[in-house]
Amino acid sequence: KVEEFLITRLREVFPDDGVFGEEGGEIAGSSGRIWVIDPIDGTFN
C-alpha cells in the first residue's frame, strides 16, 4: 500500500520521471531521472 501511494504521488509531481520500487513497482520515465523507493525498509523489524 505504501509503495502504491509513493508511486502515485511521485508520478503526480514528477510525471516525466521513472520510478523503481522494491515491491515490483517499475515505471519508465522520459527525463532520465528515476525515483528509487523502499516503502518500508526493515519490514522484518
PDB file of all heavy atoms in Angstrom:
ATOM      1  N   LYS A   1       0.822  -1.204   0.000  1.00  0.00           N
ATOM      2  CA  LYS A   1       0.000   0.000   0.000  1.00  0.00           C
ATOM      3  C   LYS A   1       0.859   1.257   0.000  1.00  0.00           C
ATOM      4  O   LYS A   1       0.543   2.245  -0.691  1.00  0.00           O
ATOM      5  CB  LYS A   1      -0.925   0.002   1.215  1.00  0.00           C
ATOM      6  CG  LYS A   1      -1.997  -1.085   1.203  1.00  0.00           C
ATOM      7  CD  LYS A   1      -2.974  -0.887   0.059  1.00  0.00           C
ATOM      8  CE  LYS A   1      -4.122  -1.897   0.129  1.00  0.00           C
ATOM      9  NZ  LYS A   1      -5.054  -1.758  -1.027  1.00  0.00           N
ATOM     10  N   VAL A   2       1.937   1.242   0.780  1.00  0.00           N
ATOM     11  CA  VAL A   2       2.804   2.419   0.837  1.00  0.00           C
ATOM     12  C   VAL A   2       3.523   2.617  -0.494  1.00  0.00           C
ATOM     13  O   VAL A   2       3.672   3.742  -0.971  1.00  0.00           O
ATOM     14  CB  VAL A   2       3.809   2.307   2.007  1.00  0.00           C
ATOM     15  CG1 VAL A   2       4.801   3.475   1.983  1.00  0.00           C
ATOM     16  CG2 VAL A   2       3.072   2.290   3.335  1.00  0.00           C
ATOM     17  N   GLU A   3       3.976   1.521  -1.127  1.00  0.00           N
ATOM     18  CA  GLU A   3       4.619   1.666  -2.433  1.00  0.00           C
ATOM     19  C   GLU A   3       3.633   2.213  -3.460  1.00  0.00           C
ATOM     20  O   GLU A   3       3.997   3.095  -4.264  1.00  0.00           O
ATOM     21  CB  GLU A   3       5.202   0.345  -2.919  1.00  0.00           C
ATOM     22  CG  GLU A   3       5.879   0.479  -4.276  1.00  0.00           C
ATOM     23  CD  GLU A   3       6.847  -0.640  -4.590  1.00  0.00           C
ATOM     24  OE1 GLU A   3       7.798  -0.847  -3.812  1.00  0.00           O
ATOM     25  OE2 GLU A   3       6.646  -1.306  -5.620  1.00  0.00           O
ATOM     26  N   GLU A   4       2.408   1.711  -3.465  1.00  0.00           N
ATOM     27  CA  GLU A   4       1.400   2.233  -4.396  1.00  0.00           C
ATOM     28  C   GLU A   4       1.191   3.731  -4.177  1.00  0.00           C
ATOM     29  O   GLU A   4       1.082   4.500  -5.141  1.00  0.00           O
ATOM     30  CB  GLU A   4       0.078   1.484  -4.205  1.00  0.00           C
ATOM     31  CG  GLU A   4       0.106   0.039  -4.679  1.00  0.00           C
ATOM     32  CD  GLU A   4      -1.150  -0.724  -4.268  1.00  0.00           C
ATOM     33  OE1 GLU A   4      -2.066  -0.095  -3.677  1.00  0.00           O
ATOM     34  OE2 GLU A   4      -1.220  -1.938  -4.542  1.00  0.00           O
ATOM     35  N   PHE A   5       1.142   4.135  -2.921  1.00  0.00           N
ATOM     36  CA  PHE A   5       0.972   5.550  -2.604  1.00  0.00           C
ATOM     37  C   PHE A   5       2.149   6.369  -3.119  1.00  0.00           C
ATOM     38  O   PHE A   5       1.967   7.430  -3.742  1.00  0.00           O
ATOM     39  CB  PHE A   5       0.827   5.736  -1.092  1.00  0.00           C
ATOM     40  CG  PHE A   5       0.877   7.167  -0.654  1.00  0.00           C
ATOM     41  CD1 PHE A   5      -0.262   7.961  -0.708  1.00  0.00           C
ATOM     42  CD2 PHE A   5       2.064   7.733  -0.207  1.00  0.00           C
ATOM     43  CE1 PHE A   5      -0.216   9.293  -0.329  1.00  0.00           C
ATOM     44  CE2 PHE A   5       2.120   9.061   0.175  1.00  0.00           C
ATOM     45  CZ  PHE A   5       0.980   9.850   0.118  1.00  0.00           C
ATOM     46  N   LEU A   6       3.364   5.898  -2.858  1.00  0.00           N
ATOM     47  CA  LEU A   6       4.550   6.632  -3.278  1.00  0.00           C
ATOM     48  C   LEU A   6       4.600   6.785  -4.796  1.00  0.00           C
ATOM     49  O   LEU A   6       4.915   7.863  -5.316  1.00  0.00           O
ATOM     50  CB  LEU A   6       5.808   5.921  -2.784  1.00  0.00           C
ATOM     51  CG  LEU A   6       6.100   6.002  -1.283  1.00  0.00           C
ATOM     52  CD1 LEU A   6       7.251   5.066  -0.924  1.00  0.00           C
ATOM     53  CD2 LEU A   6       6.424   7.437  -0.873  1.00  0.00           C
ATOM     54  N   ILE A   7       4.315   5.704  -5.506  1.00  0.00           N
ATOM     55  CA  ILE A   7       4.353   5.762  -6.972  1.00  0.00           C
ATOM     56  C   ILE A   7       3.330   6.775  -7.483  1.00  0.00           C
ATOM     57  O   ILE A   7       3.633   7.612  -8.347  1.00  0.00           O
ATOM     58  CB  ILE A   7       4.093   4.371  -7.572  1.00  0.00           C
ATOM     59  CG1 ILE A   7       5.275   3.450  -7.291  1.00  0.00           C
ATOM     60  CG2 ILE A   7       3.858   4.471  -9.081  1.00  0.00           C
ATOM     61  CD1 ILE A   7       5.040   2.001  -7.686  1.00  0.00           C
ATOM     62  N   THR A   8       2.127   6.725  -6.933  1.00  0.00           N
ATOM     63  CA  THR A   8       1.075   7.648  -7.366  1.00  0.00           C
ATOM     64  C   THR A   8       1.476   9.098  -7.138  1.00  0.00           C
ATOM     65  O   THR A   8       1.362   9.952  -8.035  1.00  0.00           O
ATOM     66  CB  THR A   8      -0.246   7.354  -6.626  1.00  0.00           C
ATOM     67  OG1 THR A   8      -0.672   6.028  -6.945  1.00  0.00           O
ATOM     68  CG2 THR A   8      -1.323   8.347  -7.014  1.00  0.00           C
ATOM     69  N   ARG A   9       1.974   9.402  -5.939  1.00  0.00           N
ATOM     70  CA  ARG A   9       2.332  10.786  -5.600  1.00  0.00           C
ATOM     71  C   ARG A   9       3.542  11.265  -6.395  1.00  0.00           C
ATOM     72  O   ARG A   9       3.556  12.409  -6.885  1.00  0.00           O
ATOM     73  CB  ARG A   9       2.595  10.906  -4.099  1.00  0.00           C
ATOM     74  CG  ARG A   9       1.381  10.760  -3.248  1.00  0.00           C
ATOM     75  CD  ARG A   9       0.447  11.978  -3.378  1.00  0.00           C
ATOM     76  NE  ARG A   9       1.004  13.129  -2.675  1.00  0.00           N
ATOM     77  CZ  ARG A   9       1.360  14.264  -3.235  1.00  0.00           C
ATOM     78  NH1 ARG A   9       1.220  14.431  -4.535  1.00  0.00           N
ATOM     79  NH2 ARG A   9       1.843  15.264  -2.521  1.00  0.00           N
ATOM     80  N   LEU A  10       4.551  10.428  -6.536  1.00  0.00           N
ATOM     81  CA  LEU A  10       5.734  10.839  -7.292  1.00  0.00           C
ATOM     82  C   LEU A  10       5.400  11.069  -8.759  1.00  0.00           C
ATOM     83  O   LEU A  10       5.912  12.008  -9.390  1.00  0.00           O
ATOM     84  CB  LEU A  10       6.845   9.800  -7.146  1.00  0.00           C
ATOM     85  CG  LEU A  10       7.513   9.741  -5.765  1.00  0.00           C
ATOM     86  CD1 LEU A  10       8.368   8.486  -5.637  1.00  0.00           C
ATOM     87  CD2 LEU A  10       8.352  10.991  -5.511  1.00  0.00           C
ATOM     88  N   ARG A  11       4.534  10.238  -9.311  1.00  0.00           N
ATOM     89  CA  ARG A  11       4.142  10.414 -10.709  1.00  0.00           C
ATOM     90  C   ARG A  11       3.289  11.668 -10.902  1.00  0.00           C
ATOM     91  O   ARG A  11       3.340  12.307 -11.956  1.00  0.00           O
ATOM     92  CB  ARG A  11       3.377   9.174 -11.185  1.00  0.00           C
ATOM     93  CG  ARG A  11       4.235   7.929 -11.298  1.00  0.00           C
ATOM     94  CD  ARG A  11       5.212   8.036 -12.452  1.00  0.00           C
ATOM     95  NE  ARG A  11       4.530   7.961 -13.743  1.00  0.00           N
ATOM     96  CZ  ARG A  11       5.083   8.234 -14.913  1.00  0.00           C
ATOM     97  NH1 ARG A  11       6.331   8.652 -14.965  1.00  0.00           N
ATOM     98  NH2 ARG A  11       4.403   8.116 -16.023  1.00  0.00           N
ATOM     99  N   GLU A  12       2.505  12.020  -9.890  1.00  0.00           N
ATOM    100  CA  GLU A  12       1.718  13.249  -9.965  1.00  0.00           C
ATOM    101  C   GLU A  12       2.622  14.484 -10.029  1.00  0.00           C
ATOM    102  O   GLU A  12       2.383  15.411 -10.800  1.00  0.00           O
ATOM    103  CB  GLU A  12       0.791  13.376  -8.748  1.00  0.00           C
ATOM    104  CG  GLU A  12      -0.407  12.448  -8.753  1.00  0.00           C
ATOM    105  CD  GLU A  12      -1.188  12.540  -7.457  1.00  0.00           C
ATOM    106  OE1 GLU A  12      -0.737  13.258  -6.532  1.00  0.00           O
ATOM    107  OE2 GLU A  12      -2.237  11.883  -7.355  1.00  0.00           O
ATOM    108  N   VAL A  13       3.653  14.463  -9.207  1.00  0.00           N
ATOM    109  CA  VAL A  13       4.503  15.640  -9.063  1.00  0.00           C
ATOM    110  C   VAL A  13       5.633  15.674 -10.095  1.00  0.00           C
ATOM    111  O   VAL A  13       6.029  16.744 -10.557  1.00  0.00           O
ATOM    112  CB  VAL A  13       5.081  15.696  -7.626  1.00  0.00           C
ATOM    113  CG1 VAL A  13       5.957  16.924  -7.444  1.00  0.00           C
ATOM    114  CG2 VAL A  13       3.961  15.710  -6.606  1.00  0.00           C
ATOM    115  N   PHE A  14       6.136  14.485 -10.453  1.00  0.00           N
ATOM    116  CA  PHE A  14       7.249  14.384 -11.403  1.00  0.00           C
ATOM    117  C   PHE A  14       6.832  13.460 -12.553  1.00  0.00           C
ATOM    118  O   PHE A  14       7.338  12.334 -12.671  1.00  0.00           O
ATOM    119  CB  PHE A  14       8.499  13.830 -10.713  1.00  0.00           C
ATOM    120  CG  PHE A  14       8.898  14.565  -9.457  1.00  0.00           C
ATOM    121  CD1 PHE A  14       8.645  14.015  -8.200  1.00  0.00           C
ATOM    122  CD2 PHE A  14       9.524  15.795  -9.525  1.00  0.00           C
ATOM    123  CE1 PHE A  14       9.022  14.681  -7.038  1.00  0.00           C
ATOM    124  CE2 PHE A  14       9.888  16.476  -8.368  1.00  0.00           C
ATOM    125  CZ  PHE A  14       9.638  15.925  -7.119  1.00  0.00           C
ATOM    126  N   PRO A  15       5.908  13.887 -13.387  1.00  0.00           N
ATOM    127  CA  PRO A  15       5.339  12.983 -14.402  1.00  0.00           C
ATOM    128  C   PRO A  15       6.341  12.470 -15.438  1.00  0.00           C
ATOM    129  O   PRO A  15       6.074  11.443 -16.075  1.00  0.00           O
ATOM    130  CB  PRO A  15       4.249  13.837 -15.057  1.00  0.00           C
ATOM    131  CG  PRO A  15       4.645  15.252 -14.788  1.00  0.00           C
ATOM    132  CD  PRO A  15       5.299  15.234 -13.441  1.00  0.00           C
ATOM    133  N   ASP A  16       7.451  13.167 -15.622  1.00  0.00           N
ATOM    134  CA  ASP A  16       8.430  12.735 -16.622  1.00  0.00           C
ATOM    135  C   ASP A  16       9.471  11.773 -16.059  1.00  0.00           C
ATOM    136  O   ASP A  16      10.275  11.220 -16.816  1.00  0.00           O
ATOM    137  CB  ASP A  16       9.145  13.951 -17.222  1.00  0.00           C
ATOM    138  CG  ASP A  16       8.198  14.883 -17.958  1.00  0.00           C
ATOM    139  OD1 ASP A  16       7.210  14.371 -18.515  1.00  0.00           O
ATOM    140  OD2 ASP A  16       8.438  16.107 -17.956  1.00  0.00           O
ATOM    141  N   ASP A  17       9.481  11.591 -14.740  1.00  0.00           N
ATOM    142  CA  ASP A  17      10.498  10.756 -14.096  1.00  0.00           C
ATOM    143  C   ASP A  17      10.037   9.310 -13.990  1.00  0.00           C
ATOM    144  O   ASP A  17       8.843   9.023 -13.894  1.00  0.00           O
ATOM    145  CB  ASP A  17      10.813  11.278 -12.687  1.00  0.00           C
ATOM    146  CG  ASP A  17      11.458  12.657 -12.704  1.00  0.00           C
ATOM    147  OD1 ASP A  17      11.777  13.154 -13.802  1.00  0.00           O
ATOM    148  OD2 ASP A  17      11.644  13.229 -11.610  1.00  0.00           O
ATOM    149  N   GLY A  18      11.004   8.388 -13.960  1.00  0.00           N
ATOM    150  CA  GLY A  18      10.702   6.990 -13.720  1.00  0.00           C
ATOM    151  C   GLY A  18      10.638   6.696 -12.231  1.00  0.00           C
ATOM    152  O   GLY A  18      11.050   7.507 -11.395  1.00  0.00           O
ATOM    153  N   VAL A  19      10.113   5.521 -11.907  1.00  0.00           N
ATOM    154  CA  VAL A  19      10.050   5.058 -10.516  1.00  0.00           C
ATOM    155  C   VAL A  19      10.469   3.598 -10.484  1.00  0.00           C
ATOM    156  O   VAL A  19      10.052   2.793 -11.332  1.00  0.00           O
ATOM    157  CB  VAL A  19       8.629   5.195  -9.927  1.00  0.00           C
ATOM    158  CG1 VAL A  19       8.619   4.750  -8.458  1.00  0.00           C
ATOM    159  CG2 VAL A  19       8.117   6.624 -10.053  1.00  0.00           C
ATOM    160  N   PHE A  20      11.298   3.247  -9.500  1.00  0.00           N
ATOM    161  CA  PHE A  20      11.751   1.871  -9.324  1.00  0.00           C
ATOM    162  C   PHE A  20      11.559   1.512  -7.857  1.00  0.00           C
ATOM    163  O   PHE A  20      12.140   2.149  -6.974  1.00  0.00           O
ATOM    164  CB  PHE A  20      13.231   1.758  -9.709  1.00  0.00           C
ATOM    165  CG  PHE A  20      13.792   0.357  -9.651  1.00  0.00           C
ATOM    166  CD1 PHE A  20      13.547  -0.556 -10.667  1.00  0.00           C
ATOM    167  CD2 PHE A  20      14.574  -0.039  -8.573  1.00  0.00           C
ATOM    168  CE1 PHE A  20      14.069  -1.843 -10.611  1.00  0.00           C
ATOM    169  CE2 PHE A  20      15.102  -1.319  -8.505  1.00  0.00           C
ATOM    170  CZ  PHE A  20      14.848  -2.224  -9.530  1.00  0.00           C
ATOM    171  N   GLY A  21      10.703   0.520  -7.575  1.00  0.00           N
ATOM    172  CA  GLY A  21      10.376   0.192  -6.192  1.00  0.00           C
ATOM    173  C   GLY A  21      10.665  -1.238  -5.819  1.00  0.00           C
ATOM    174  O   GLY A  21      10.750  -2.125  -6.680  1.00  0.00           O
ATOM    175  N   GLU A  22      10.773  -1.487  -4.522  1.00  0.00           N
ATOM    176  CA  GLU A  22      11.121  -2.822  -4.027  1.00  0.00           C
ATOM    177  C   GLU A  22      10.050  -3.854  -4.354  1.00  0.00           C
ATOM    178  O   GLU A  22      10.358  -4.988  -4.713  1.00  0.00           O
ATOM    179  CB  GLU A  22      11.342  -2.799  -2.510  1.00  0.00           C
ATOM    180  CG  GLU A  22      11.619  -4.180  -1.959  1.00  0.00           C
ATOM    181  CD  GLU A  22      11.890  -4.213  -0.462  1.00  0.00           C
ATOM    182  OE1 GLU A  22      11.705  -3.186   0.208  1.00  0.00           O
ATOM    183  OE2 GLU A  22      12.299  -5.279   0.023  1.00  0.00           O
ATOM    184  N   GLU A  23       8.792  -3.472  -4.230  1.00  0.00           N
ATOM    185  CA  GLU A  23       7.722  -4.459  -4.351  1.00  0.00           C
ATOM    186  C   GLU A  23       7.189  -4.595  -5.773  1.00  0.00           C
ATOM    187  O   GLU A  23       6.014  -4.878  -5.988  1.00  0.00           O
ATOM    188  CB  GLU A  23       6.586  -4.125  -3.376  1.00  0.00           C
ATOM    189  CG  GLU A  23       7.023  -3.977  -1.927  1.00  0.00           C
ATOM    190  CD  GLU A  23       7.835  -5.167  -1.420  1.00  0.00           C
ATOM    191  OE1 GLU A  23       7.648  -6.286  -1.925  1.00  0.00           O
ATOM    192  OE2 GLU A  23       8.672  -4.962  -0.529  1.00  0.00           O
ATOM    193  N   GLY A  24       8.047  -4.374  -6.748  1.00  0.00           N
ATOM    194  CA  GLY A  24       7.667  -4.624  -8.135  1.00  0.00           C
ATOM    195  C   GLY A  24       7.233  -3.408  -8.911  1.00  0.00           C
ATOM    196  O   GLY A  24       6.935  -3.502 -10.103  1.00  0.00           O
ATOM    197  N   GLY A  25       7.175  -2.259  -8.256  1.00  0.00           N
ATOM    198  CA  GLY A  25       6.784  -1.052  -8.955  1.00  0.00           C
ATOM    199  C   GLY A  25       7.929  -0.536  -9.818  1.00  0.00           C
ATOM    200  O   GLY A  25       8.953  -0.115  -9.295  1.00  0.00           O
ATOM    201  N   GLU A  26       7.773  -0.575 -11.137  1.00  0.00           N
ATOM    202  CA  GLU A  26       8.803  -0.065 -12.038  1.00  0.00           C
ATOM    203  C   GLU A  26       8.113   0.620 -13.208  1.00  0.00           C
ATOM    204  O   GLU A  26       7.409  -0.008 -13.999  1.00  0.00           O
ATOM    205  CB  GLU A  26       9.710  -1.184 -12.536  1.00  0.00           C
ATOM    206  CG  GLU A  26      10.851  -0.684 -13.401  1.00  0.00           C
ATOM    207  CD  GLU A  26      11.869  -1.768 -13.728  1.00  0.00           C
ATOM    208  OE1 GLU A  26      11.675  -2.918 -13.309  1.00  0.00           O
ATOM    209  OE2 GLU A  26      12.856  -1.451 -14.410  1.00  0.00           O
ATOM    210  N   ILE A  27       8.303   1.942 -13.287  1.00  0.00           N
ATOM    211  CA  ILE A  27       7.669   2.743 -14.318  1.00  0.00           C
ATOM    212  C   ILE A  27       8.737   3.544 -15.041  1.00  0.00           C
ATOM    213  O   ILE A  27       9.516   4.263 -14.410  1.00  0.00           O
ATOM    214  CB  ILE A  27       6.612   3.692 -13.711  1.00  0.00           C
ATOM    215  CG1 ILE A  27       5.512   2.874 -13.018  1.00  0.00           C
ATOM    216  CG2 ILE A  27       6.020   4.601 -14.768  1.00  0.00           C
ATOM    217  CD1 ILE A  27       4.537   3.710 -12.241  1.00  0.00           C
ATOM    218  N   ALA A  28       8.770   3.417 -16.341  1.00  0.00           N
ATOM    219  CA  ALA A  28       9.757   4.138 -17.139  1.00  0.00           C
ATOM    220  C   ALA A  28       9.367   5.610 -17.239  1.00  0.00           C
ATOM    221  O   ALA A  28       8.186   5.968 -17.244  1.00  0.00           O
ATOM    222  CB  ALA A  28       9.854   3.522 -18.527  1.00  0.00           C
ATOM    223  N   GLY A  29      10.367   6.464 -17.313  1.00  0.00           N
ATOM    224  CA  GLY A  29      10.143   7.888 -17.498  1.00  0.00           C
ATOM    225  C   GLY A  29      10.880   8.389 -18.722  1.00  0.00           C
ATOM    226  O   GLY A  29      11.614   7.630 -19.371  1.00  0.00           O
ATOM    227  N   SER A  30      10.727   9.650 -19.032  1.00  0.00           N
ATOM    228  CA  SER A  30      11.392  10.237 -20.200  1.00  0.00           C
ATOM    229  C   SER A  30      12.497  11.219 -19.838  1.00  0.00           C
ATOM    230  O   SER A  30      13.247  11.661 -20.700  1.00  0.00           O
ATOM    231  CB  SER A  30      10.349  10.958 -21.068  1.00  0.00           C
ATOM    232  OG  SER A  30       9.692  11.976 -20.318  1.00  0.00           O
ATOM    233  N   SER A  31      12.623  11.554 -18.557  1.00  0.00           N
ATOM    234  CA  SER A  31      13.576  12.585 -18.137  1.00  0.00           C
ATOM    235  C   SER A  31      14.991  12.045 -17.919  1.00  0.00           C
ATOM    236  O   SER A  31      15.943  12.817 -17.863  1.00  0.00           O
ATOM    237  CB  SER A  31      13.098  13.233 -16.834  1.00  0.00           C
ATOM    238  OG  SER A  31      13.167  12.291 -15.764  1.00  0.00           O
ATOM    239  N   GLY A  32      15.113  10.725 -17.741  1.00  0.00           N
ATOM    240  CA  GLY A  32      16.396  10.145 -17.367  1.00  0.00           C
ATOM    241  C   GLY A  32      16.580  10.035 -15.864  1.00  0.00           C
ATOM    242  O   GLY A  32      17.545   9.432 -15.397  1.00  0.00           O
ATOM    243  N   ARG A  33      15.672  10.627 -15.107  1.00  0.00           N
ATOM    244  CA  ARG A  33      15.733  10.543 -13.645  1.00  0.00           C
ATOM    245  C   ARG A  33      14.818   9.424 -13.158  1.00  0.00           C
ATOM    246  O   ARG A  33      13.747   9.197 -13.726  1.00  0.00           O
ATOM    247  CB  ARG A  33      15.304  11.851 -12.993  1.00  0.00           C
ATOM    248  CG  ARG A  33      16.060  13.060 -13.497  1.00  0.00           C
ATOM    249  CD  ARG A  33      15.868  14.272 -12.632  1.00  0.00           C
ATOM    250  NE  ARG A  33      14.497  14.490 -12.168  1.00  0.00           N
ATOM    251  CZ  ARG A  33      14.160  15.426 -11.285  1.00  0.00           C
ATOM    252  NH1 ARG A  33      15.094  16.186 -10.747  1.00  0.00           N
ATOM    253  NH2 ARG A  33      12.905  15.600 -10.927  1.00  0.00           N
ATOM    254  N   ILE A  34      15.239   8.744 -12.091  1.00  0.00           N
ATOM    255  CA  ILE A  34      14.444   7.650 -11.528  1.00  0.00           C
ATOM    256  C   ILE A  34      14.366   7.820 -10.012  1.00  0.00           C
ATOM    257  O   ILE A  34      15.394   7.995  -9.336  1.00  0.00           O
ATOM    258  CB  ILE A  34      15.069   6.276 -11.860  1.00  0.00           C
ATOM    259  CG1 ILE A  34      15.181   6.087 -13.370  1.00  0.00           C
ATOM    260  CG2 ILE A  34      14.228   5.151 -11.251  1.00  0.00           C
ATOM    261  CD1 ILE A  34      15.939   4.827 -13.764  1.00  0.00           C
ATOM    262  N   TRP A  35      13.157   7.764  -9.488  1.00  0.00           N
ATOM    263  CA  TRP A  35      12.958   7.752  -8.038  1.00  0.00           C
ATOM    264  C   TRP A  35      12.981   6.300  -7.572  1.00  0.00           C
ATOM    265  O   TRP A  35      12.149   5.496  -7.977  1.00  0.00           O
ATOM    266  CB  TRP A  35      11.632   8.416  -7.673  1.00  0.00           C
ATOM    267  CG  TRP A  35      11.644   9.883  -7.999  1.00  0.00           C
ATOM    268  CD1 TRP A  35      11.161  10.483  -9.128  1.00  0.00           C
ATOM    269  CD2 TRP A  35      12.200  10.917  -7.195  1.00  0.00           C
ATOM    270  NE1 TRP A  35      11.383  11.834  -9.080  1.00  0.00           N
ATOM    271  CE2 TRP A  35      12.020  12.137  -7.902  1.00  0.00           C
ATOM    272  CE3 TRP A  35      12.838  10.955  -5.957  1.00  0.00           C
ATOM    273  CZ2 TRP A  35      12.452  13.360  -7.407  1.00  0.00           C
ATOM    274  CZ3 TRP A  35      13.265  12.169  -5.458  1.00  0.00           C
ATOM    275  CH2 TRP A  35      13.074  13.364  -6.173  1.00  0.00           C
ATOM    276  N   VAL A  36      13.960   5.981  -6.735  1.00  0.00           N
ATOM    277  CA  VAL A  36      14.145   4.617  -6.245  1.00  0.00           C
ATOM    278  C   VAL A  36      13.603   4.573  -4.818  1.00  0.00           C
ATOM    279  O   VAL A  36      14.091   5.279  -3.937  1.00  0.00           O
ATOM    280  CB  VAL A  36      15.627   4.208  -6.293  1.00  0.00           C
ATOM    281  CG1 VAL A  36      15.807   2.787  -5.772  1.00  0.00           C
ATOM    282  CG2 VAL A  36      16.158   4.317  -7.730  1.00  0.00           C
ATOM    283  N   ILE A  37      12.594   3.729  -4.605  1.00  0.00           N
ATOM    284  CA  ILE A  37      11.840   3.803  -3.351  1.00  0.00           C
ATOM    285  C   ILE A  37      11.832   2.467  -2.613  1.00  0.00           C
ATOM    286  O   ILE A  37      11.788   1.399  -3.210  1.00  0.00           O
ATOM    287  CB  ILE A  37      10.388   4.257  -3.606  1.00  0.00           C
ATOM    288  CG1 ILE A  37       9.669   3.313  -4.588  1.00  0.00           C
ATOM    289  CG2 ILE A  37      10.372   5.686  -4.141  1.00  0.00           C
ATOM    290  CD1 ILE A  37       8.188   3.651  -4.795  1.00  0.00           C
ATOM    291  N   ASP A  38      11.889   2.569  -1.315  1.00  0.00           N
ATOM    292  CA  ASP A  38      11.663   1.430  -0.434  1.00  0.00           C
ATOM    293  C   ASP A  38      10.538   1.830   0.503  1.00  0.00           C
ATOM    294  O   ASP A  38      10.730   2.691   1.373  1.00  0.00           O
ATOM    295  CB  ASP A  38      12.928   1.090   0.354  1.00  0.00           C
ATOM    296  CG  ASP A  38      12.846  -0.269   1.036  1.00  0.00           C
ATOM    297  OD1 ASP A  38      11.718  -0.755   1.219  1.00  0.00           O
ATOM    298  OD2 ASP A  38      13.893  -0.828   1.376  1.00  0.00           O
ATOM    299  N   PRO A  39       9.344   1.271   0.338  1.00  0.00           N
ATOM    300  CA  PRO A  39       8.196   1.744   1.127  1.00  0.00           C
ATOM    301  C   PRO A  39       8.367   1.527   2.628  1.00  0.00           C
ATOM    302  O   PRO A  39       7.983   2.395   3.422  1.00  0.00           O
ATOM    303  CB  PRO A  39       7.032   0.927   0.572  1.00  0.00           C
ATOM    304  CG  PRO A  39       7.659  -0.269  -0.070  1.00  0.00           C
ATOM    305  CD  PRO A  39       8.970   0.202  -0.600  1.00  0.00           C
ATOM    306  N   ILE A  40       8.920   0.377   2.998  1.00  0.00           N
ATOM    307  CA  ILE A  40       9.244   0.113   4.403  1.00  0.00           C
ATOM    308  C   ILE A  40      10.557  -0.653   4.427  1.00  0.00           C
ATOM    309  O   ILE A  40      10.575  -1.872   4.215  1.00  0.00           O
ATOM    310  CB  ILE A  40       8.137  -0.689   5.115  1.00  0.00           C
ATOM    311  CG1 ILE A  40       6.806   0.075   5.097  1.00  0.00           C
ATOM    312  CG2 ILE A  40       8.555  -0.991   6.558  1.00  0.00           C
ATOM    313  CD1 ILE A  40       5.642  -0.702   5.690  1.00  0.00           C
ATOM    314  N   ASP A  41      11.650   0.046   4.656  1.00  0.00           N
ATOM    315  CA  ASP A  41      12.929  -0.634   4.818  1.00  0.00           C
ATOM    316  C   ASP A  41      13.008  -1.134   6.257  1.00  0.00           C
ATOM    317  O   ASP A  41      12.861  -0.352   7.199  1.00  0.00           O
ATOM    318  CB  ASP A  41      14.092   0.311   4.533  1.00  0.00           C
ATOM    319  CG  ASP A  41      15.436  -0.376   4.762  1.00  0.00           C
ATOM    320  OD1 ASP A  41      15.616  -1.475   4.218  1.00  0.00           O
ATOM    321  OD2 ASP A  41      16.276   0.174   5.504  1.00  0.00           O
ATOM    322  N   GLY A  42      13.236  -2.425   6.411  1.00  0.00           N
ATOM    323  CA  GLY A  42      13.200  -3.021   7.745  1.00  0.00           C
ATOM    324  C   GLY A  42      11.861  -3.674   8.020  1.00  0.00           C
ATOM    325  O   GLY A  42      11.351  -3.619   9.148  1.00  0.00           O
ATOM    326  N   THR A  43      11.291  -4.343   7.001  1.00  0.00           N
ATOM    327  CA  THR A  43       9.975  -4.968   7.177  1.00  0.00           C
ATOM    328  C   THR A  43       9.981  -6.002   8.299  1.00  0.00           C
ATOM    329  O   THR A  43       9.010  -6.129   9.050  1.00  0.00           O
ATOM    330  CB  THR A  43       9.515  -5.630   5.858  1.00  0.00           C
ATOM    331  OG1 THR A  43       9.404  -4.632   4.841  1.00  0.00           O
ATOM    332  CG2 THR A  43       8.171  -6.308   6.023  1.00  0.00           C
ATOM    333  N   PHE A  44      11.072  -6.756   8.420  1.00  0.00           N
ATOM    334  CA  PHE A  44      11.151  -7.765   9.486  1.00  0.00           C
ATOM    335  C   PHE A  44      11.016  -7.086  10.856  1.00  0.00           C
ATOM    336  O   PHE A  44      10.282  -7.560  11.733  1.00  0.00           O
ATOM    337  CB  PHE A  44      12.471  -8.530   9.393  1.00  0.00           C
ATOM    338  CG  PHE A  44      12.510  -9.781  10.221  1.00  0.00           C
ATOM    339  CD1 PHE A  44      12.064 -10.995   9.707  1.00  0.00           C
ATOM    340  CD2 PHE A  44      12.977  -9.759  11.527  1.00  0.00           C
ATOM    341  CE1 PHE A  44      12.089 -12.152  10.473  1.00  0.00           C
ATOM    342  CE2 PHE A  44      13.000 -10.909  12.302  1.00  0.00           C
ATOM    343  CZ  PHE A  44      12.559 -12.114  11.770  1.00  0.00           C
ATOM    344  N   ASN A  45      11.712  -5.953  11.038  1.00  0.00           N
ATOM    345  CA  ASN A  45      11.578  -5.192  12.278  1.00  0.00           C
ATOM    346  C   ASN A  45      10.144  -4.693  12.453  1.00  0.00           C
ATOM    347  O   ASN A  45       9.575  -4.757  13.550  1.00  0.00           O
ATOM    348  CB  ASN A  45      12.523  -3.983  12.258  1.00  0.00           C
ATOM    349  CG  ASN A  45      13.979  -4.372  12.321  1.00  0.00           C
ATOM    350  OD1 ASN A  45      14.324  -5.498  12.658  1.00  0.00           O
ATOM    351  ND2 ASN A  45      14.856  -3.444  11.979  1.00  0.00           N
TER     352      ASN A  45
END
